[in-house]
Amino acid sequence: MLRDPLLNHLVTDFADEAAAGNPSGPLYADSSAYMIVANLLRLAGQVTTPSDPGARALDTKTLARIIEVMEDRLGEQVPMAELAQLAGMNVYRFSRAFRAATGDSPHRHLTQRRIDRVCQMLDNTSEPLAHVAHDCGFSSQSHMTAAFTKAMGVPPGHWRRKRRA
């Protein structure tokens, strides 16, 4: 039986994301599926890893356009295929080029921007947490709380109380 830590990690994350029902799940699933297939092919010897594994980064203009689309649609699902098409690339190449340009995957970037928006809303509004979650593109308050706590180290309610004190 073939055992590969990277492949195991990718499949586990893919399954966790699919079970979570997050709005950005399809974007994450698209990205993960391509990574899983690429790694399976590599392990099977059908694809060789280039001697220079670094991907060519998105150019500044294309990156700005992609980020603008992500920003405009933070509260929506943004399919990876749509972003890749805007960049004129296939999904796998786009994911690598985005990471090379930003240091993050498209999914991680989108999640971080949503967390940033949550912080702004917690600081500047009295909206209930469930409304903040919805407005920021999270599938539920608990999904937002889990992502926020992971990123910021405290739950959003605690963040709001501490910032207001």
C-alpha atoms as a PDB file:
ATOM      1  CA  MET A   1       0.000   0.000   0.000  1.00  0.00           C
ATOM      2  CA  LEU A   2       1.286   3.439  -0.946  1.00  0.00           C
ATOM      3  CA  ARG A   3       1.606   5.936   1.907  1.00  0.00           C
ATOM      4  CA  ASP A   4       2.308   9.573   1.244  1.00  0.00           C
ATOM      5  CA  PRO A   5       1.922  12.202   4.013  1.00  0.00           C
ATOM      6  CA  LEU A   6       1.085  15.014   1.573  1.00  0.00           C
ATOM      7  CA  LEU A   7      -1.567  12.962  -0.187  1.00  0.00           C
ATOM      8  CA  ASN A   8      -3.018  11.845   3.145  1.00  0.00           C
ATOM      9  CA  HIS A   9      -3.178  15.470   4.301  1.00  0.00           C
ATOM     10  CA  LEU A  10      -4.843  16.614   1.061  1.00  0.00           C
ATOM     11  CA  VAL A  11      -7.480  13.862   1.152  1.00  0.00           C
ATOM     12  CA  THR A  12      -8.228  14.467   4.853  1.00  0.00           C
ATOM     13  CA  ASP A  13      -8.597  18.230   4.336  1.00  0.00           C
ATOM     14  CA  PHE A  14     -10.756  17.614   1.263  1.00  0.00           C
ATOM     15  CA  ALA A  15     -13.077  15.332   3.253  1.00  0.00           C
ATOM     16  CA  ASP A  16     -13.254  17.751   6.204  1.00  0.00           C
ATOM     17  CA  GLU A  17     -14.109  20.677   3.934  1.00  0.00           C
ATOM     18  CA  ALA A  18     -16.763  18.673   2.080  1.00  0.00           C
ATOM     19  CA  ALA A  19     -18.406  17.724   5.379  1.00  0.00           C
ATOM     20  CA  ALA A  20     -18.344  21.302   6.724  1.00  0.00           C
ATOM     21  CA  GLY A  21     -20.651  22.741   4.049  1.00  0.00           C
ATOM     22  CA  ASN A  22     -18.734  26.038   3.893  1.00  0.00           C
ATOM     23  CA  PRO A  23     -19.645  28.574   1.192  1.00  0.00           C
ATOM     24  CA  SER A  24     -16.070  28.549  -0.065  1.00  0.00           C
ATOM     25  CA  GLY A  25     -16.117  24.739  -0.077  1.00  0.00           C
ATOM     26  CA  PRO A  26     -16.391  24.377  -3.873  1.00  0.00           C
ATOM     27  CA  LEU A  27     -13.363  26.634  -4.335  1.00  0.00           C
ATOM     28  CA  TYR A  28     -11.425  24.566  -1.817  1.00  0.00           C
ATOM     29  CA  ALA A  29     -12.691  21.306  -3.297  1.00  0.00           C
ATOM     30  CA  ASP A  30     -11.649  22.302  -6.821  1.00  0.00           C
ATOM     31  CA  SER A  31      -8.190  23.231  -5.632  1.00  0.00           C
ATOM     32  CA  SER A  32      -7.808  20.101  -3.504  1.00  0.00           C
ATOM     33  CA  ALA A  33      -9.050  17.768  -6.225  1.00  0.00           C
ATOM     34  CA  TYR A  34      -6.443  19.031  -8.684  1.00  0.00           C
ATOM     35  CA  MET A  35      -3.709  18.739  -6.066  1.00  0.00           C
ATOM     36  CA  ILE A  36      -4.785  15.174  -5.205  1.00  0.00           C
ATOM     37  CA  VAL A  37      -4.835  14.095  -8.855  1.00  0.00           C
ATOM     38  CA  ALA A  38      -1.465  15.742  -9.532  1.00  0.00           C
ATOM     39  CA  ASN A  39       0.085  13.971  -6.547  1.00  0.00           C
ATOM     40  CA  LEU A  40      -1.431  10.616  -7.503  1.00  0.00           C
ATOM     41  CA  LEU A  41       0.003  10.981 -11.007  1.00  0.00           C
ATOM     42  CA  ARG A  42       3.385  12.003  -9.601  1.00  0.00           C
ATOM     43  CA  LEU A  43       3.416   9.018  -7.270  1.00  0.00           C
ATOM     44  CA  ALA A  44       2.429   6.704 -10.116  1.00  0.00           C
ATOM     45  CA  GLY A  45       5.400   7.986 -12.109  1.00  0.00           C
ATOM     46  CA  GLN A  46       3.274   9.443 -14.884  1.00  0.00           C
ATOM     47  CA  VAL A  47       4.220  13.006 -14.109  1.00  0.00           C
ATOM     48  CA  THR A  48       7.657  14.109 -13.100  1.00  0.00           C
ATOM     49  CA  THR A  49       8.256  17.049 -10.858  1.00  0.00           C
ATOM     50  CA  PRO A  50      10.270  19.705 -12.683  1.00  0.00           C
ATOM     51  CA  SER A  51      13.749  20.448 -11.391  1.00  0.00           C
ATOM     52  CA  ASP A  52      12.532  23.955 -10.573  1.00  0.00           C
ATOM     53  CA  PRO A  53       9.269  23.358  -8.691  1.00  0.00           C
ATOM     54  CA  GLY A  54       8.569  27.090  -8.368  1.00  0.00           C
ATOM     55  CA  ALA A  55       5.513  28.232 -10.237  1.00  0.00           C
ATOM     56  CA  ARG A  56       5.454  31.429 -12.235  1.00  0.00           C
ATOM     57  CA  ALA A  57       3.526  34.031 -10.252  1.00  0.00           C
ATOM     58  CA  LEU A  58       0.490  35.830 -11.607  1.00  0.00           C
ATOM     59  CA  ASP A  59       1.375  39.183 -13.102  1.00  0.00           C
ATOM     60  CA  THR A  60       0.390  42.259 -11.092  1.00  0.00           C
ATOM     61  CA  LYS A  61      -2.538  43.225 -13.312  1.00  0.00           C
ATOM     62  CA  THR A  62      -4.067  39.732 -13.326  1.00  0.00           C
ATOM     63  CA  LEU A  63      -3.547  39.324  -9.574  1.00  0.00           C
ATOM     64  CA  ALA A  64      -5.259  42.668  -8.952  1.00  0.00           C
ATOM     65  CA  ARG A  65      -8.232  41.605 -11.100  1.00  0.00           C
ATOM     66  CA  ILE A  66      -8.531  38.244  -9.306  1.00  0.00           C
ATOM     67  CA  ILE A  67      -8.332  39.859  -5.869  1.00  0.00           C
ATOM     68  CA  GLU A  68     -10.903  42.467  -6.900  1.00  0.00           C
ATOM     69  CA  VAL A  69     -13.335  39.696  -7.877  1.00  0.00           C
ATOM     70  CA  MET A  70     -12.698  37.938  -4.575  1.00  0.00           C
ATOM     71  CA  GLU A  71     -13.242  41.179  -2.631  1.00  0.00           C
ATOM     72  CA  ASP A  72     -16.433  42.017  -4.506  1.00  0.00           C
ATOM     73  CA  ARG A  73     -17.813  38.544  -3.809  1.00  0.00           C
ATOM     74  CA  LEU A  74     -16.631  37.809  -0.257  1.00  0.00           C
ATOM     75  CA  GLY A  75     -20.162  36.850   0.732  1.00  0.00           C
ATOM     76  CA  GLU A  76     -20.608  34.433  -2.189  1.00  0.00           C
ATOM     77  CA  GLN A  77     -19.185  31.197  -3.505  1.00  0.00           C
ATOM     78  CA  VAL A  78     -16.454  31.892  -6.025  1.00  0.00           C
ATOM     79  CA  PRO A  79     -15.584  28.753  -8.027  1.00  0.00           C
ATOM     80  CA  MET A  80     -11.879  28.161  -8.580  1.00  0.00           C
ATOM     81  CA  ALA A  81     -12.600  27.439 -12.253  1.00  0.00           C
ATOM     82  CA  GLU A  82     -14.056  30.932 -12.659  1.00  0.00           C
ATOM     83  CA  LEU A  83     -10.978  32.565 -11.138  1.00  0.00           C
ATOM     84  CA  ALA A  84      -8.688  30.403 -13.264  1.00  0.00           C
ATOM     85  CA  GLN A  85     -10.622  31.376 -16.381  1.00  0.00           C
ATOM     86  CA  LEU A  86     -10.187  35.069 -15.518  1.00  0.00           C
ATOM     87  CA  ALA A  87      -6.450  34.443 -15.333  1.00  0.00           C
ATOM     88  CA  GLY A  88      -6.490  32.485 -18.605  1.00  0.00           C
ATOM     89  CA  MET A  89      -5.148  29.331 -16.932  1.00  0.00           C
ATOM     90  CA  ASN A  90      -6.264  25.890 -15.932  1.00  0.00           C
ATOM     91  CA  VAL A  91      -7.211  25.478 -12.285  1.00  0.00           C
ATOM     92  CA  TYR A  92      -4.025  23.716 -11.195  1.00  0.00           C
ATOM     93  CA  ARG A  93      -1.720  26.254 -12.849  1.00  0.00           C
ATOM     94  CA  PHE A  94      -3.818  29.124 -11.498  1.00  0.00           C
ATOM     95  CA  SER A  95      -3.626  27.781  -7.942  1.00  0.00           C
ATOM     96  CA  ARG A  96       0.163  27.505  -8.158  1.00  0.00           C
ATOM     97  CA  ALA A  97       0.520  30.936  -9.763  1.00  0.00           C
ATOM     98  CA  PHE A  98      -1.738  32.539  -7.139  1.00  0.00           C
ATOM     99  CA  ARG A  99       0.282  30.942  -4.334  1.00  0.00           C
ATOM    100  CA  ALA A 100       3.535  32.071  -5.959  1.00  0.00           C
ATOM    101  CA  ALA A 101       2.208  35.646  -6.137  1.00  0.00           C
ATOM    102  CA  THR A 102       0.639  35.879  -2.677  1.00  0.00           C
ATOM    103  CA  GLY A 103       2.133  33.122  -0.562  1.00  0.00           C
ATOM    104  CA  ASP A 104      -1.352  31.687   0.071  1.00  0.00           C
ATOM    105  CA  SER A 105      -3.752  29.414  -1.759  1.00  0.00           C
ATOM    106  CA  PRO A 106      -6.853  31.102  -3.220  1.00  0.00           C
ATOM    107  CA  HIS A 107      -9.003  29.407  -0.551  1.00  0.00           C
ATOM    108  CA  ARG A 108      -6.792  30.560   2.326  1.00  0.00           C
ATOM    109  CA  HIS A 109      -6.650  34.084   0.908  1.00  0.00           C
ATOM    110  CA  LEU A 110     -10.426  34.234   0.605  1.00  0.00           C
ATOM    111  CA  THR A 111     -10.921  32.907   4.138  1.00  0.00           C
ATOM    112  CA  GLN A 112      -8.457  35.447   5.558  1.00  0.00           C
ATOM    113  CA  ARG A 113     -10.213  38.309   3.775  1.00  0.00           C
ATOM    114  CA  ARG A 114     -13.516  37.092   5.244  1.00  0.00           C
ATOM    115  CA  ILE A 115     -11.957  37.053   8.708  1.00  0.00           C
ATOM    116  CA  ASP A 116     -10.701  40.604   8.115  1.00  0.00           C
ATOM    117  CA  ARG A 117     -14.223  41.667   7.210  1.00  0.00           C
ATOM    118  CA  VAL A 118     -15.585  39.974  10.348  1.00  0.00           C
ATOM    119  CA  CYS A 119     -13.109  42.013  12.426  1.00  0.00           C
ATOM    120  CA  GLN A 120     -14.306  45.233  10.787  1.00  0.00           C
ATOM    121  CA  MET A 121     -17.944  44.391  11.367  1.00  0.00           C
ATOM    122  CA  LEU A 122     -17.355  43.373  14.984  1.00  0.00           C
ATOM    123  CA  ASP A 123     -15.551  46.653  15.622  1.00  0.00           C
ATOM    124  CA  ASN A 124     -17.996  48.914  13.769  1.00  0.00           C
ATOM    125  CA  THR A 125     -21.468  47.388  14.068  1.00  0.00           C
ATOM    126  CA  SER A 126     -23.755  45.845  16.647  1.00  0.00           C
ATOM    127  CA  GLU A 127     -25.042  43.246  14.202  1.00  0.00           C
ATOM    128  CA  PRO A 128     -25.721  39.825  15.736  1.00  0.00           C
ATOM    129  CA  LEU A 129     -22.967  37.304  15.083  1.00  0.00           C
ATOM    130  CA  ALA A 130     -25.244  35.236  12.842  1.00  0.00           C
ATOM    131  CA  HIS A 131     -25.747  38.272  10.561  1.00  0.00           C
ATOM    132  CA  VAL A 132     -22.020  39.000  10.539  1.00  0.00           C
ATOM    133  CA  ALA A 133     -21.353  35.393   9.536  1.00  0.00           C
ATOM    134  CA  HIS A 134     -23.848  35.573   6.677  1.00  0.00           C
ATOM    135  CA  ASP A 135     -22.615  38.959   5.443  1.00  0.00           C
ATOM    136  CA  CYS A 136     -19.023  37.726   5.434  1.00  0.00           C
ATOM    137  CA  GLY A 137     -19.708  34.573   3.438  1.00  0.00           C
ATOM    138  CA  PHE A 138     -19.679  31.946   6.167  1.00  0.00           C
ATOM    139  CA  SER A 139     -22.284  29.190   6.042  1.00  0.00           C
ATOM    140  CA  SER A 140     -23.230  29.643   9.706  1.00  0.00           C
ATOM    141  CA  GLN A 141     -22.291  31.406  12.907  1.00  0.00           C
ATOM    142  CA  SER A 142     -20.521  28.270  14.130  1.00  0.00           C
ATOM    143  CA  HIS A 143     -18.491  28.055  10.909  1.00  0.00           C
ATOM    144  CA  MET A 144     -17.461  31.696  11.344  1.00  0.00           C
ATOM    145  CA  THR A 145     -16.654  31.150  15.015  1.00  0.00           C
ATOM    146  CA  ALA A 146     -14.424  28.165  14.238  1.00  0.00           C
ATOM    147  CA  ALA A 147     -12.551  29.975  11.440  1.00  0.00           C
ATOM    148  CA  PHE A 148     -12.280  33.199  13.441  1.00  0.00           C
ATOM    149  CA  THR A 149     -11.033  31.449  16.573  1.00  0.00           C
ATOM    150  CA  LYS A 150      -8.454  29.526  14.567  1.00  0.00           C
ATOM    151  CA  ALA A 151      -7.200  32.715  12.897  1.00  0.00           C
ATOM    152  CA  MET A 152      -7.449  35.193  15.778  1.00  0.00           C
ATOM    153  CA  GLY A 153      -7.062  33.010  18.851  1.00  0.00           C
ATOM    154  CA  VAL A 154     -10.343  34.081  20.474  1.00  0.00           C
ATOM    155  CA  PRO A 155     -14.019  33.662  19.548  1.00  0.00           C
ATOM    156  CA  PRO A 156     -15.705  36.604  17.782  1.00  0.00           C
ATOM    157  CA  GLY A 157     -17.957  37.446  20.750  1.00  0.00           C
ATOM    158  CA  HIS A 158     -14.922  37.720  23.014  1.00  0.00           C
ATOM    159  CA  TRP A 159     -13.135  39.821  20.377  1.00  0.00           C
ATOM    160  CA  ARG A 160     -16.065  42.233  20.214  1.00  0.00           C
ATOM    161  CA  ARG A 161     -16.406  42.567  24.010  1.00  0.00           C
ATOM    162  CA  LYS A 162     -12.679  43.125  24.481  1.00  0.00           C
ATOM    163  CA  ARG A 163     -12.442  45.734  21.709  1.00  0.00           C
ATOM    164  CA  ARG A 164     -15.418  47.641  23.040  1.00  0.00           C
ATOM    165  CA  ALA A 165     -14.174  47.685  26.630  1.00  0.00           C
END
